[in-house]
Amino acid sequence: MATTTATITLSSADIQSDVLALTKQATLNKGGTTTGLEQTTGLNKVIYTATTNIVLLDSTVLGVGKAAKVYIANKSTDASEFVLITINAQIIGRLYAGDWMFIPWSQSDAAGNIELAPSVATALPVEYMMIHEGATQTSA
């Protein structure tokens, strides 16, 4: 059985008047089970050179109801550059230079693609990965 664990650590010495130090960990499981997610797209890095909307992850690939977690990071070093993230034409938000996101993703319908639109057409680097349960196997 695969075991995939995600850990996030947030820390700051000056976020308010107190020091902040928070660490959370989660085991990434298949939907409704305690069995770990066993597949990944691998870590991908793409350099975008257009501002058009791009399908980053196609919602029809895994099938309805499959568990998935998605990581997307804007690897630009220019603070003014961002990527606009949408799912099913709903704006999720902007990832500015150095920003990243890690979200659960359910492929509930064919229109639920994860898409992005770079703010500039001058080599904006984006890194992404999907960790997911495999497609249902049938025996012959």
Protein backbone atom coordinates (compact mmCIF):
# COMPACT_ATOMS: atom_id res chain seq x y z
CA MET A 1 0.00 0.00 0.00
CA ALA A 2 1.30 3.42 -0.96
CA THR A 3 1.68 6.07 1.70
CA THR A 4 2.02 9.68 0.63
CA THR A 5 2.28 12.35 3.29
CA ALA A 6 2.07 16.11 2.85
CA THR A 7 3.58 18.43 5.44
CA ILE A 8 3.28 22.20 5.67
CA THR A 9 5.25 24.41 8.04
CA LEU A 10 4.39 28.07 8.59
CA SER A 11 6.70 30.21 10.65
CA SER A 12 7.31 33.89 11.22
CA ALA A 13 9.09 35.85 13.90
CA ASP A 14 7.14 39.04 13.19
CA ILE A 15 3.68 38.23 11.79
CA GLN A 16 2.10 39.87 14.83
CA SER A 17 3.36 40.45 18.35
CA ASP A 18 3.96 36.69 18.86
CA VAL A 19 6.14 34.19 17.05
CA LEU A 20 4.19 31.89 14.76
CA ALA A 21 5.30 28.27 14.33
CA LEU A 22 2.79 25.80 12.90
CA THR A 23 3.35 22.39 11.34
CA LYS A 24 0.58 20.15 10.02
CA GLN A 25 0.83 16.78 8.34
CA ALA A 26 -1.74 14.77 6.38
CA THR A 27 -1.71 11.34 4.79
CA LEU A 28 -3.14 11.52 1.27
CA ASN A 29 -5.71 8.75 0.83
CA LYS A 30 -8.05 7.48 -1.84
CA GLY A 31 -11.59 8.81 -1.46
CA GLY A 32 -13.46 7.26 1.48
CA THR A 33 -10.63 4.89 2.44
CA THR A 34 -7.43 4.69 4.46
CA THR A 35 -5.51 3.44 1.41
CA GLY A 36 -2.87 5.86 0.19
CA LEU A 37 -2.80 7.59 -3.17
CA GLU A 38 -0.37 5.67 -5.36
CA GLN A 39 0.04 7.62 -8.60
CA THR A 40 1.46 10.95 -9.72
CA THR A 41 1.90 12.91 -12.90
CA GLY A 42 5.44 13.63 -11.76
CA LEU A 43 6.72 17.11 -11.05
CA ASN A 44 6.42 19.18 -14.23
CA LYS A 45 7.95 22.57 -15.01
CA VAL A 46 6.62 24.53 -17.98
CA ILE A 47 7.73 27.93 -19.27
CA TYR A 48 4.69 29.82 -20.62
CA THR A 49 5.20 32.43 -23.34
CA ALA A 50 1.60 33.47 -24.00
CA THR A 51 -1.19 35.02 -21.94
CA THR A 52 -3.91 32.73 -23.28
CA ASN A 53 -5.88 30.41 -21.00
CA ILE A 54 -4.28 26.94 -20.82
CA VAL A 55 -5.75 23.64 -19.61
CA LEU A 56 -3.22 22.52 -17.02
CA LEU A 57 -5.09 19.39 -15.85
CA ASP A 58 -7.93 17.77 -17.80
CA SER A 59 -10.88 16.74 -15.62
CA THR A 60 -11.77 13.74 -17.80
CA VAL A 61 -8.47 11.89 -17.29
CA LEU A 62 -9.15 10.07 -14.01
CA GLY A 63 -12.89 9.59 -14.02
CA VAL A 64 -15.61 10.92 -11.74
CA GLY A 65 -15.09 10.57 -8.01
CA LYS A 66 -11.38 9.76 -8.01
CA ALA A 67 -9.32 11.40 -5.26
CA ALA A 68 -6.57 13.78 -6.31
CA LYS A 69 -4.39 16.48 -4.77
CA VAL A 70 -2.87 19.22 -6.95
CA TYR A 71 0.25 21.32 -6.39
CA ILE A 72 0.85 24.43 -8.56
CA ALA A 73 3.65 26.99 -8.05
CA ASN A 74 4.55 30.20 -9.84
CA LYS A 75 8.35 29.98 -10.08
CA SER A 76 8.81 33.51 -11.43
CA THR A 77 11.11 35.87 -9.54
CA ASP A 78 9.35 39.02 -10.82
CA ALA A 79 6.87 40.09 -8.11
CA SER A 80 4.47 41.59 -10.67
CA GLU A 81 4.00 38.33 -12.63
CA PHE A 82 1.11 36.04 -11.77
CA VAL A 83 -0.94 33.15 -13.10
CA LEU A 84 -4.72 33.24 -12.80
CA ILE A 85 -6.06 29.82 -11.72
CA THR A 86 -9.61 28.75 -12.65
CA ILE A 87 -11.66 25.57 -12.26
CA ASN A 88 -14.84 25.18 -14.34
CA ALA A 89 -14.60 28.90 -15.29
CA GLN A 90 -14.60 29.88 -11.58
CA ILE A 91 -11.63 31.98 -10.53
CA ILE A 92 -9.70 30.33 -7.70
CA GLY A 93 -7.13 33.11 -7.43
CA ARG A 94 -3.82 34.53 -8.59
CA LEU A 95 -0.48 32.97 -7.79
CA TYR A 96 2.15 35.71 -7.78
CA ALA A 97 5.90 35.07 -8.03
CA GLY A 98 6.87 32.49 -5.42
CA ASP A 99 3.25 31.67 -4.50
CA TRP A 100 2.01 28.09 -4.55
CA MET A 101 -1.17 26.14 -3.85
CA PHE A 102 -2.00 22.60 -2.74
CA ILE A 103 -5.67 21.63 -3.11
CA PRO A 104 -7.92 18.59 -3.29
CA TRP A 105 -9.49 18.14 -6.72
CA SER A 106 -12.53 16.10 -7.64
CA GLN A 107 -13.14 15.46 -11.32
CA SER A 108 -16.92 15.83 -11.10
CA ASP A 109 -17.64 16.78 -14.71
CA ALA A 110 -15.99 17.36 -18.08
CA ALA A 111 -15.98 21.14 -17.51
CA GLY A 112 -13.94 20.91 -14.29
CA ASN A 113 -10.50 21.39 -15.85
CA ILE A 114 -7.84 23.23 -13.88
CA GLU A 115 -6.73 26.09 -16.11
CA LEU A 116 -4.25 28.91 -15.83
CA ALA A 117 -3.63 32.17 -17.64
CA PRO A 118 -0.19 33.79 -17.32
CA SER A 119 -0.14 37.57 -16.84
CA VAL A 120 2.81 38.01 -19.21
CA ALA A 121 4.04 36.43 -22.43
CA THR A 122 7.70 36.52 -21.44
CA ALA A 123 8.81 33.11 -20.14
CA LEU A 124 6.78 32.68 -16.94
CA PRO A 125 7.78 29.37 -15.25
CA VAL A 126 5.12 27.23 -13.56
CA GLU A 127 5.66 23.99 -11.66
CA TYR A 128 2.83 21.50 -11.07
CA MET A 129 2.01 17.96 -10.00
CA MET A 130 -1.07 15.85 -9.37
CA ILE A 131 -1.04 13.02 -6.81
CA HIS A 132 -4.02 10.75 -7.46
CA GLU A 133 -5.60 7.35 -7.21
CA GLY A 134 -5.28 5.19 -10.29
CA ALA A 135 -8.02 4.50 -12.77
CA THR A 136 -10.17 1.47 -11.95
CA GLN A 137 -8.62 -1.66 -13.46
CA THR A 138 -10.76 -4.34 -15.03
CA SER A 139 -9.53 -7.86 -15.73
CA ALA A 140 -9.83 -9.39 -19.18
